[in-house]
Amino acid sequence: MFIIRNFLVALAQILNIAISIYIWIVIIRAVISWVHPDPYNPIVQFLVRSTEPLLQPIRRFLPTTGIDFSPFILILALYFVQRFLVSTLYDLARVF
C-alpha cells in the first residue's frame, strides 16, 4: 500500500506546485495588463492564452467596471481548490 500512498503524496505535491505557478501567471498577467503591453509579444501572448480560458467565464458574471476583478476572483478560487484538493490528497494518503 505504500505505493498508493507515495503516488497520492506525489500527486498532491505536483498539484500544489502547478496551481502555485498558475496563480503567479495570473498575477503577472494582471500586472502587465496595467501597462498596455504589445499584443504581439510572445510572452504576452503566452500569458493571455494560458489565463483567458479561466478568466473569460468569470468576466461574464461580473458587472463591467473600470477595474477587472476577474483575476482576483480566479486567484481566490485557485487558492480554495489548492487548499481543498491538496489537503484531501494528503489525508487520503495517510489512510493507505
PDB file of N, CA and C in Angstrom:
ATOM      1  N   MET A   1       0.802  -1.199   0.000  1.00  0.00           N
ATOM      2  CA  MET A   1       0.000   0.000   0.000  1.00  0.00           C
ATOM      3  C   MET A   1       0.846   1.265   0.000  1.00  0.00           C
ATOM      4  N   PHE A   2       2.130   1.117   0.287  1.00  0.00           N
ATOM      5  CA  PHE A   2       2.987   2.295   0.303  1.00  0.00           C
ATOM      6  C   PHE A   2       3.104   2.914  -1.089  1.00  0.00           C
ATOM      7  N   ILE A   3       2.888   2.121  -2.135  1.00  0.00           N
ATOM      8  CA  ILE A   3       2.952   2.655  -3.498  1.00  0.00           C
ATOM      9  C   ILE A   3       1.805   3.634  -3.725  1.00  0.00           C
ATOM     10  N   ILE A   4       0.618   3.283  -3.275  1.00  0.00           N
ATOM     11  CA  ILE A   4      -0.532   4.181  -3.417  1.00  0.00           C
ATOM     12  C   ILE A   4      -0.314   5.442  -2.591  1.00  0.00           C
ATOM     13  N   ARG A   5       0.213   5.277  -1.377  1.00  0.00           N
ATOM     14  CA  ARG A   5       0.472   6.431  -0.513  1.00  0.00           C
ATOM     15  C   ARG A   5       1.481   7.373  -1.166  1.00  0.00           C
ATOM     16  N   ASN A   6       2.573   6.820  -1.677  1.00  0.00           N
ATOM     17  CA  ASN A   6       3.588   7.657  -2.319  1.00  0.00           C
ATOM     18  C   ASN A   6       3.049   8.325  -3.580  1.00  0.00           C
ATOM     19  N   PHE A   7       2.216   7.607  -4.321  1.00  0.00           N
ATOM     20  CA  PHE A   7       1.611   8.195  -5.510  1.00  0.00           C
ATOM     21  C   PHE A   7       0.713   9.373  -5.146  1.00  0.00           C
ATOM     22  N   LEU A   8      -0.101   9.219  -4.120  1.00  0.00           N
ATOM     23  CA  LEU A   8      -1.005  10.297  -3.709  1.00  0.00           C
ATOM     24  C   LEU A   8      -0.236  11.504  -3.177  1.00  0.00           C
ATOM     25  N   VAL A   9       0.832  11.254  -2.432  1.00  0.00           N
ATOM     26  CA  VAL A   9       1.651  12.364  -1.929  1.00  0.00           C
ATOM     27  C   VAL A   9       2.319  13.090  -3.093  1.00  0.00           C
ATOM     28  N   ALA A  10       2.856  12.334  -4.043  1.00  0.00           N
ATOM     29  CA  ALA A  10       3.485  12.959  -5.209  1.00  0.00           C
ATOM     30  C   ALA A  10       2.470  13.745  -6.030  1.00  0.00           C
ATOM     31  N   LEU A  11       1.285  13.187  -6.202  1.00  0.00           N
ATOM     32  CA  LEU A  11       0.227  13.882  -6.938  1.00  0.00           C
ATOM     33  C   LEU A  11      -0.174  15.174  -6.231  1.00  0.00           C
ATOM     34  N   ALA A  12      -0.269  15.131  -4.913  1.00  0.00           N
ATOM     35  CA  ALA A  12      -0.613  16.330  -4.144  1.00  0.00           C
ATOM     36  C   ALA A  12       0.467  17.398  -4.289  1.00  0.00           C
ATOM     37  N   GLN A  13       1.721  16.993  -4.251  1.00  0.00           N
ATOM     38  CA  GLN A  13       2.809  17.959  -4.381  1.00  0.00           C
ATOM     39  C   GLN A  13       2.849  18.574  -5.773  1.00  0.00           C
ATOM     40  N   ILE A  14       2.665  17.748  -6.800  1.00  0.00           N
ATOM     41  CA  ILE A  14       2.658  18.265  -8.172  1.00  0.00           C
ATOM     42  C   ILE A  14       1.481  19.213  -8.380  1.00  0.00           C
ATOM     43  N   LEU A  15       0.320  18.849  -7.872  1.00  0.00           N
ATOM     44  CA  LEU A  15      -0.857  19.707  -7.983  1.00  0.00           C
ATOM     45  C   LEU A  15      -0.642  21.030  -7.251  1.00  0.00           C
ATOM     46  N   ASN A  16      -0.038  20.970  -6.090  1.00  0.00           N
ATOM     47  CA  ASN A  16       0.248  22.175  -5.320  1.00  0.00           C
ATOM     48  C   ASN A  16       1.184  23.104  -6.092  1.00  0.00           C
ATOM     49  N   ILE A  17       2.241  22.552  -6.669  1.00  0.00           N
ATOM     50  CA  ILE A  17       3.195  23.357  -7.435  1.00  0.00           C
ATOM     51  C   ILE A  17       2.537  23.923  -8.690  1.00  0.00           C
ATOM     52  N   ALA A  18       1.763  23.110  -9.397  1.00  0.00           N
ATOM     53  CA  ALA A  18       1.124  23.566 -10.635  1.00  0.00           C
ATOM     54  C   ALA A  18       0.145  24.708 -10.373  1.00  0.00           C
ATOM     55  N   ILE A  19      -0.643  24.587  -9.325  1.00  0.00           N
ATOM     56  CA  ILE A  19      -1.594  25.659  -9.008  1.00  0.00           C
ATOM     57  C   ILE A  19      -0.854  26.918  -8.569  1.00  0.00           C
ATOM     58  N   SER A  20       0.221  26.767  -7.814  1.00  0.00           N
ATOM     59  CA  SER A  20       1.011  27.936  -7.396  1.00  0.00           C
ATOM     60  C   SER A  20       1.607  28.655  -8.598  1.00  0.00           C
ATOM     61  N   ILE A  21       2.137  27.902  -9.541  1.00  0.00           N
ATOM     62  CA  ILE A  21       2.695  28.516 -10.753  1.00  0.00           C
ATOM     63  C   ILE A  21       1.593  29.234 -11.535  1.00  0.00           C
ATOM     64  N   TYR A  22       0.432  28.618 -11.644  1.00  0.00           N
ATOM     65  CA  TYR A  22      -0.666  29.243 -12.383  1.00  0.00           C
ATOM     66  C   TYR A  22      -1.142  30.521 -11.690  1.00  0.00           C
ATOM     67  N   ILE A  23      -1.145  30.527 -10.366  1.00  0.00           N
ATOM     68  CA  ILE A  23      -1.510  31.744  -9.635  1.00  0.00           C
ATOM     69  C   ILE A  23      -0.536  32.862  -9.976  1.00  0.00           C
ATOM     70  N   TRP A  24       0.750  32.550 -10.044  1.00  0.00           N
ATOM     71  CA  TRP A  24       1.733  33.572 -10.401  1.00  0.00           C
ATOM     72  C   TRP A  24       1.555  34.040 -11.844  1.00  0.00           C
ATOM     73  N   ILE A  25       1.182  33.140 -12.731  1.00  0.00           N
ATOM     74  CA  ILE A  25       0.919  33.540 -14.118  1.00  0.00           C
ATOM     75  C   ILE A  25      -0.259  34.510 -14.173  1.00  0.00           C
ATOM     76  N   VAL A  26      -1.297  34.258 -13.401  1.00  0.00           N
ATOM     77  CA  VAL A  26      -2.456  35.163 -13.361  1.00  0.00           C
ATOM     78  C   VAL A  26      -2.043  36.518 -12.786  1.00  0.00           C
ATOM     79  N   ILE A  27      -1.230  36.522 -11.739  1.00  0.00           N
ATOM     80  CA  ILE A  27      -0.765  37.780 -11.146  1.00  0.00           C
ATOM     81  C   ILE A  27       0.059  38.569 -12.150  1.00  0.00           C
ATOM     82  N   ILE A  28       0.977  37.903 -12.843  1.00  0.00           N
ATOM     83  CA  ILE A  28       1.811  38.592 -13.832  1.00  0.00           C
ATOM     84  C   ILE A  28       0.944  39.146 -14.957  1.00  0.00           C
ATOM     85  N   ARG A  29      -0.040  38.380 -15.391  1.00  0.00           N
ATOM     86  CA  ARG A  29      -0.950  38.865 -16.444  1.00  0.00           C
ATOM     87  C   ARG A  29      -1.700  40.108 -15.982  1.00  0.00           C
ATOM     88  N   ALA A  30      -2.161  40.114 -14.744  1.00  0.00           N
ATOM     89  CA  ALA A  30      -2.898  41.269 -14.230  1.00  0.00           C
ATOM     90  C   ALA A  30      -1.998  42.498 -14.149  1.00  0.00           C
ATOM     91  N   VAL A  31      -0.783  42.325 -13.682  1.00  0.00           N
ATOM     92  CA  VAL A  31       0.141  43.461 -13.558  1.00  0.00           C
ATOM     93  C   VAL A  31       0.533  43.981 -14.935  1.00  0.00           C
ATOM     94  N   ILE A  32       0.814  43.090 -15.861  1.00  0.00           N
ATOM     95  CA  ILE A  32       1.206  43.520 -17.204  1.00  0.00           C
ATOM     96  C   ILE A  32       0.048  44.220 -17.918  1.00  0.00           C
ATOM     97  N   SER A  33      -1.174  43.846 -17.618  1.00  0.00           N
ATOM     98  CA  SER A  33      -2.313  44.477 -18.293  1.00  0.00           C
ATOM     99  C   SER A  33      -2.464  45.949 -17.920  1.00  0.00           C
ATOM    100  N   TRP A  34      -1.849  46.367 -16.837  1.00  0.00           N
ATOM    101  CA  TRP A  34      -1.940  47.772 -16.429  1.00  0.00           C
ATOM    102  C   TRP A  34      -1.110  48.686 -17.320  1.00  0.00           C
ATOM    103  N   VAL A  35      -0.118  48.154 -18.027  1.00  0.00           N
ATOM    104  CA  VAL A  35       0.790  48.998 -18.810  1.00  0.00           C
ATOM    105  C   VAL A  35       0.547  48.898 -20.312  1.00  0.00           C
ATOM    106  N   HIS A  36      -0.514  48.231 -20.736  1.00  0.00           N
ATOM    107  CA  HIS A  36      -0.868  48.054 -22.146  1.00  0.00           C
ATOM    108  C   HIS A  36       0.316  47.497 -22.945  1.00  0.00           C
ATOM    109  N   PRO A  37       0.617  46.229 -22.760  1.00  0.00           N
ATOM    110  CA  PRO A  37       1.765  45.628 -23.447  1.00  0.00           C
ATOM    111  C   PRO A  37       1.483  45.395 -24.930  1.00  0.00           C
ATOM    112  N   ASP A  38       2.544  45.135 -25.656  1.00  0.00           N
ATOM    113  CA  ASP A  38       2.442  44.809 -27.074  1.00  0.00           C
ATOM    114  C   ASP A  38       1.761  43.449 -27.228  1.00  0.00           C
ATOM    115  N   PRO A  39       0.614  43.389 -27.903  1.00  0.00           N
ATOM    116  CA  PRO A  39      -0.099  42.107 -28.012  1.00  0.00           C
ATOM    117  C   PRO A  39       0.629  41.073 -28.870  1.00  0.00           C
ATOM    118  N   TYR A  40       1.637  41.482 -29.624  1.00  0.00           N
ATOM    119  CA  TYR A  40       2.384  40.547 -30.463  1.00  0.00           C
ATOM    120  C   TYR A  40       3.618  39.988 -29.761  1.00  0.00           C
ATOM    121  N   ASN A  41       3.878  40.445 -28.555  1.00  0.00           N
ATOM    122  CA  ASN A  41       4.991  39.918 -27.776  1.00  0.00           C
ATOM    123  C   ASN A  41       4.680  38.466 -27.407  1.00  0.00           C
ATOM    124  N   PRO A  42       5.624  37.540 -27.622  1.00  0.00           N
ATOM    125  CA  PRO A  42       5.348  36.125 -27.331  1.00  0.00           C
ATOM    126  C   PRO A  42       5.043  35.852 -25.860  1.00  0.00           C
ATOM    127  N   ILE A  43       5.651  36.596 -24.969  1.00  0.00           N
ATOM    128  CA  ILE A  43       5.381  36.398 -23.543  1.00  0.00           C
ATOM    129  C   ILE A  43       3.956  36.831 -23.218  1.00  0.00           C
ATOM    130  N   VAL A  44       3.550  37.955 -23.755  1.00  0.00           N
ATOM    131  CA  VAL A  44       2.187  38.446 -23.534  1.00  0.00           C
ATOM    132  C   VAL A  44       1.180  37.481 -24.158  1.00  0.00           C
ATOM    133  N   GLN A  45       1.480  36.974 -25.332  1.00  0.00           N
ATOM    134  CA  GLN A  45       0.578  36.009 -25.966  1.00  0.00           C
ATOM    135  C   GLN A  45       0.449  34.740 -25.130  1.00  0.00           C
ATOM    136  N   PHE A  46       1.560  34.265 -24.564  1.00  0.00           N
ATOM    137  CA  PHE A  46       1.510  33.087 -23.696  1.00  0.00           C
ATOM    138  C   PHE A  46       0.648  33.356 -22.467  1.00  0.00           C
ATOM    139  N   LEU A  47       0.835  34.523 -21.847  1.00  0.00           N
ATOM    140  CA  LEU A  47       0.061  34.858 -20.657  1.00  0.00           C
ATOM    141  C   LEU A  47      -1.430  34.932 -20.968  1.00  0.00           C
ATOM    142  N   VAL A  48      -1.766  35.526 -22.088  1.00  0.00           N
ATOM    143  CA  VAL A  48      -3.178  35.654 -22.465  1.00  0.00           C
ATOM    144  C   VAL A  48      -3.767  34.286 -22.795  1.00  0.00           C
ATOM    145  N   ARG A  49      -3.046  33.490 -23.590  1.00  0.00           N
ATOM    146  CA  ARG A  49      -3.562  32.165 -23.965  1.00  0.00           C
ATOM    147  C   ARG A  49      -3.704  31.239 -22.769  1.00  0.00           C
ATOM    148  N   SER A  50      -2.835  31.381 -21.787  1.00  0.00           N
ATOM    149  CA  SER A  50      -2.890  30.460 -20.648  1.00  0.00           C
ATOM    150  C   SER A  50      -3.901  30.887 -19.585  1.00  0.00           C
ATOM    151  N   THR A  51      -4.262  32.159 -19.526  1.00  0.00           N
ATOM    152  CA  THR A  51      -5.182  32.609 -18.484  1.00  0.00           C
ATOM    153  C   THR A  51      -6.592  32.908 -18.990  1.00  0.00           C
ATOM    154  N   GLU A  52      -6.724  33.214 -20.245  1.00  0.00           N
ATOM    155  CA  GLU A  52      -8.032  33.631 -20.769  1.00  0.00           C
ATOM    156  C   GLU A  52      -9.122  32.559 -20.646  1.00  0.00           C
ATOM    157  N   PRO A  53      -8.824  31.270 -20.833  1.00  0.00           N
ATOM    158  CA  PRO A  53      -9.907  30.275 -20.696  1.00  0.00           C
ATOM    159  C   PRO A  53     -10.564  30.252 -19.315  1.00  0.00           C
ATOM    160  N   LEU A  54      -9.844  30.609 -18.271  1.00  0.00           N
ATOM    161  CA  LEU A  54     -10.449  30.643 -16.941  1.00  0.00           C
ATOM    162  C   LEU A  54     -10.966  32.028 -16.564  1.00  0.00           C
ATOM    163  N   LEU A  55     -10.391  33.070 -17.140  1.00  0.00           N
ATOM    164  CA  LEU A  55     -10.844  34.424 -16.815  1.00  0.00           C
ATOM    165  C   LEU A  55     -12.133  34.793 -17.548  1.00  0.00           C
ATOM    166  N   GLN A  56     -12.295  34.321 -18.765  1.00  0.00           N
ATOM    167  CA  GLN A  56     -13.457  34.707 -19.571  1.00  0.00           C
ATOM    168  C   GLN A  56     -14.792  34.321 -18.934  1.00  0.00           C
ATOM    169  N   PRO A  57     -14.966  33.102 -18.416  1.00  0.00           N
ATOM    170  CA  PRO A  57     -16.256  32.788 -17.777  1.00  0.00           C
ATOM    171  C   PRO A  57     -16.538  33.647 -16.547  1.00  0.00           C
ATOM    172  N   ILE A  58     -15.498  34.032 -15.827  1.00  0.00           N
ATOM    173  CA  ILE A  58     -15.687  34.888 -14.652  1.00  0.00           C
ATOM    174  C   ILE A  58     -16.144  36.272 -15.089  1.00  0.00           C
ATOM    175  N   ARG A  59     -15.571  36.780 -16.177  1.00  0.00           N
ATOM    176  CA  ARG A  59     -15.943  38.112 -16.672  1.00  0.00           C
ATOM    177  C   ARG A  59     -17.398  38.180 -17.111  1.00  0.00           C
ATOM    178  N   ARG A  60     -17.945  37.068 -17.567  1.00  0.00           N
ATOM    179  CA  ARG A  60     -19.347  37.066 -17.994  1.00  0.00           C
ATOM    180  C   ARG A  60     -20.296  37.326 -16.834  1.00  0.00           C
ATOM    181  N   PHE A  61     -19.903  36.920 -15.627  1.00  0.00           N
ATOM    182  CA  PHE A  61     -20.775  37.085 -14.463  1.00  0.00           C
ATOM    183  C   PHE A  61     -20.520  38.375 -13.698  1.00  0.00           C
ATOM    184  N   LEU A  62     -19.401  39.043 -13.954  1.00  0.00           N
ATOM    185  CA  LEU A  62     -19.086  40.287 -13.248  1.00  0.00           C
ATOM    186  C   LEU A  62     -19.633  41.484 -14.009  1.00  0.00           C
ATOM    187  N   PRO A  63     -20.091  42.493 -13.294  1.00  0.00           N
ATOM    188  CA  PRO A  63     -20.514  43.714 -13.990  1.00  0.00           C
ATOM    189  C   PRO A  63     -19.295  44.442 -14.559  1.00  0.00           C
ATOM    190  N   THR A  64     -19.506  45.147 -15.650  1.00  0.00           N
ATOM    191  CA  THR A  64     -18.426  45.884 -16.288  1.00  0.00           C
ATOM    192  C   THR A  64     -18.122  47.135 -15.480  1.00  0.00           C
ATOM    193  N   THR A  65     -16.895  47.221 -14.998  1.00  0.00           N
ATOM    194  CA  THR A  65     -16.436  48.395 -14.251  1.00  0.00           C
ATOM    195  C   THR A  65     -15.094  48.827 -14.822  1.00  0.00           C
ATOM    196  N   GLY A  66     -14.516  49.844 -14.239  1.00  0.00           N
ATOM    197  CA  GLY A  66     -13.222  50.323 -14.694  1.00  0.00           C
ATOM    198  C   GLY A  66     -12.075  49.407 -14.315  1.00  0.00           C
ATOM    199  N   ILE A  67     -12.306  48.542 -13.343  1.00  0.00           N
ATOM    200  CA  ILE A  67     -11.271  47.623 -12.875  1.00  0.00           C
ATOM    201  C   ILE A  67     -11.742  46.196 -13.124  1.00  0.00           C
ATOM    202  N   ASP A  68     -10.840  45.386 -13.650  1.00  0.00           N
ATOM    203  CA  ASP A  68     -11.159  43.982 -13.908  1.00  0.00           C
ATOM    204  C   ASP A  68     -10.864  43.168 -12.648  1.00  0.00           C
ATOM    205  N   PHE A  69     -11.914  42.702 -11.991  1.00  0.00           N
ATOM    206  CA  PHE A  69     -11.761  41.919 -10.764  1.00  0.00           C
ATOM    207  C   PHE A  69     -11.653  40.416 -11.025  1.00  0.00           C
ATOM    208  N   SER A  70     -11.733  40.006 -12.275  1.00  0.00           N
ATOM    209  CA  SER A  70     -11.707  38.571 -12.569  1.00  0.00           C
ATOM    210  C   SER A  70     -10.402  37.887 -12.149  1.00  0.00           C
ATOM    211  N   PRO A  71      -9.214  38.513 -12.280  1.00  0.00           N
ATOM    212  CA  PRO A  71      -8.013  37.829 -11.773  1.00  0.00           C
ATOM    213  C   PRO A  71      -8.063  37.606 -10.262  1.00  0.00           C
ATOM    214  N   PHE A  72      -8.608  38.567  -9.535  1.00  0.00           N
ATOM    215  CA  PHE A  72      -8.717  38.426  -8.081  1.00  0.00           C
ATOM    216  C   PHE A  72      -9.633  37.261  -7.712  1.00  0.00           C
ATOM    217  N   ILE A  73     -10.772  37.164  -8.387  1.00  0.00           N
ATOM    218  CA  ILE A  73     -11.713  36.079  -8.110  1.00  0.00           C
ATOM    219  C   ILE A  73     -11.108  34.735  -8.511  1.00  0.00           C
ATOM    220  N   LEU A  74     -10.392  34.707  -9.638  1.00  0.00           N
ATOM    221  CA  LEU A  74      -9.746  33.470 -10.068  1.00  0.00           C
ATOM    222  C   LEU A  74      -8.679  33.030  -9.075  1.00  0.00           C
ATOM    223  N   ILE A  75      -7.910  33.969  -8.555  1.00  0.00           N
ATOM    224  CA  ILE A  75      -6.881  33.621  -7.568  1.00  0.00           C
ATOM    225  C   ILE A  75      -7.521  33.078  -6.299  1.00  0.00           C
ATOM    226  N   LEU A  76      -8.606  33.686  -5.850  1.00  0.00           N
ATOM    227  CA  LEU A  76      -9.309  33.158  -4.673  1.00  0.00           C
ATOM    228  C   LEU A  76      -9.824  31.742  -4.926  1.00  0.00           C
ATOM    229  N   ALA A  77     -10.384  31.519  -6.103  1.00  0.00           N
ATOM    230  CA  ALA A  77     -10.885  30.179  -6.432  1.00  0.00           C
ATOM    231  C   ALA A  77      -9.743  29.170  -6.511  1.00  0.00           C
ATOM    232  N   LEU A  78      -8.618  29.590  -7.081  1.00  0.00           N
ATOM    233  CA  LEU A  78      -7.472  28.682  -7.167  1.00  0.00           C
ATOM    234  C   LEU A  78      -6.908  28.359  -5.788  1.00  0.00           C
ATOM    235  N   TYR A  79      -6.858  29.358  -4.895  1.00  0.00           N
ATOM    236  CA  TYR A  79      -6.413  29.084  -3.525  1.00  0.00           C
ATOM    237  C   TYR A  79      -7.343  28.091  -2.838  1.00  0.00           C
ATOM    238  N   PHE A  80      -8.640  28.259  -3.044  1.00  0.00           N
ATOM    239  CA  PHE A  80      -9.592  27.326  -2.441  1.00  0.00           C
ATOM    240  C   PHE A  80      -9.370  25.910  -2.970  1.00  0.00           C
ATOM    241  N   VAL A  81      -9.266  25.785  -4.288  1.00  0.00           N
ATOM    242  CA  VAL A  81      -9.044  24.465  -4.891  1.00  0.00           C
ATOM    243  C   VAL A  81      -7.722  23.877  -4.415  1.00  0.00           C
ATOM    244  N   GLN A  82      -6.706  24.725  -4.331  1.00  0.00           N
ATOM    245  CA  GLN A  82      -5.397  24.251  -3.883  1.00  0.00           C
ATOM    246  C   GLN A  82      -5.468  23.716  -2.457  1.00  0.00           C
ATOM    247  N   ARG A  83      -6.046  24.473  -1.573  1.00  0.00           N
ATOM    248  CA  ARG A  83      -6.131  24.039  -0.172  1.00  0.00           C
ATOM    249  C   ARG A  83      -7.010  22.802  -0.033  1.00  0.00           C
ATOM    250  N   PHE A  84      -8.111  22.758  -0.747  1.00  0.00           N
ATOM    251  CA  PHE A  84      -9.041  21.642  -0.618  1.00  0.00           C
ATOM    252  C   PHE A  84      -8.461  20.361  -1.209  1.00  0.00           C
ATOM    253  N   LEU A  85      -8.030  20.416  -2.468  1.00  0.00           N
ATOM    254  CA  LEU A  85      -7.568  19.197  -3.128  1.00  0.00           C
ATOM    255  C   LEU A  85      -6.261  18.670  -2.551  1.00  0.00           C
ATOM    256  N   VAL A  86      -5.318  19.561  -2.315  1.00  0.00           N
ATOM    257  CA  VAL A  86      -4.018  19.107  -1.814  1.00  0.00           C
ATOM    258  C   VAL A  86      -4.164  18.500  -0.430  1.00  0.00           C
ATOM    259  N   SER A  87      -4.892  19.152   0.445  1.00  0.00           N
ATOM    260  CA  SER A  87      -5.055  18.591   1.789  1.00  0.00           C
ATOM    261  C   SER A  87      -5.873  17.300   1.756  1.00  0.00           C
ATOM    262  N   THR A  88      -6.848  17.215   0.849  1.00  0.00           N
ATOM    263  CA  THR A  88      -7.618  15.978   0.716  1.00  0.00           C
ATOM    264  C   THR A  88      -6.734  14.831   0.234  1.00  0.00           C
ATOM    265  N   LEU A  89      -5.858  15.113  -0.721  1.00  0.00           N
ATOM    266  CA  LEU A  89      -4.955  14.064  -1.197  1.00  0.00           C
ATOM    267  C   LEU A  89      -3.975  13.630  -0.110  1.00  0.00           C
ATOM    268  N   TYR A  90      -3.460  14.589   0.669  1.00  0.00           N
ATOM    269  CA  TYR A  90      -2.567  14.226   1.781  1.00  0.00           C
ATOM    270  C   TYR A  90      -3.308  13.386   2.821  1.00  0.00           C
ATOM    271  N   ASP A  91      -4.532  13.771   3.144  1.00  0.00           N
ATOM    272  CA  ASP A  91      -5.317  12.993   4.113  1.00  0.00           C
ATOM    273  C   ASP A  91      -5.635  11.600   3.580  1.00  0.00           C
ATOM    274  N   LEU A  92      -5.931  11.518   2.307  1.00  0.00           N
ATOM    275  CA  LEU A  92      -6.202  10.222   1.698  1.00  0.00           C
ATOM    276  C   LEU A  92      -4.947   9.347   1.691  1.00  0.00           C
ATOM    277  N   ALA A  93      -3.793   9.975   1.504  1.00  0.00           N
ATOM    278  CA  ALA A  93      -2.537   9.215   1.518  1.00  0.00           C
ATOM    279  C   ALA A  93      -2.255   8.653   2.907  1.00  0.00           C
ATOM    280  N   ARG A  94      -2.670   9.361   3.944  1.00  0.00           N
ATOM    281  CA  ARG A  94      -2.454   8.860   5.308  1.00  0.00           C
ATOM    282  C   ARG A  94      -3.261   7.598   5.595  1.00  0.00           C
ATOM    283  N   VAL A  95      -4.386   7.442   4.896  1.00  0.00           N
ATOM    284  CA  VAL A  95      -5.226   6.263   5.103  1.00  0.00           C
ATOM    285  C   VAL A  95      -4.507   5.007   4.614  1.00  0.00           C
ATOM    286  N   PHE A  96      -3.756   5.154   3.521  1.00  0.00           N
ATOM    287  CA  PHE A  96      -3.063   3.994   2.957  1.00  0.00           C
ATOM    288  C   PHE A  96      -1.793   3.790   3.700  1.00  0.00           C
TER     289      PHE A  96
END
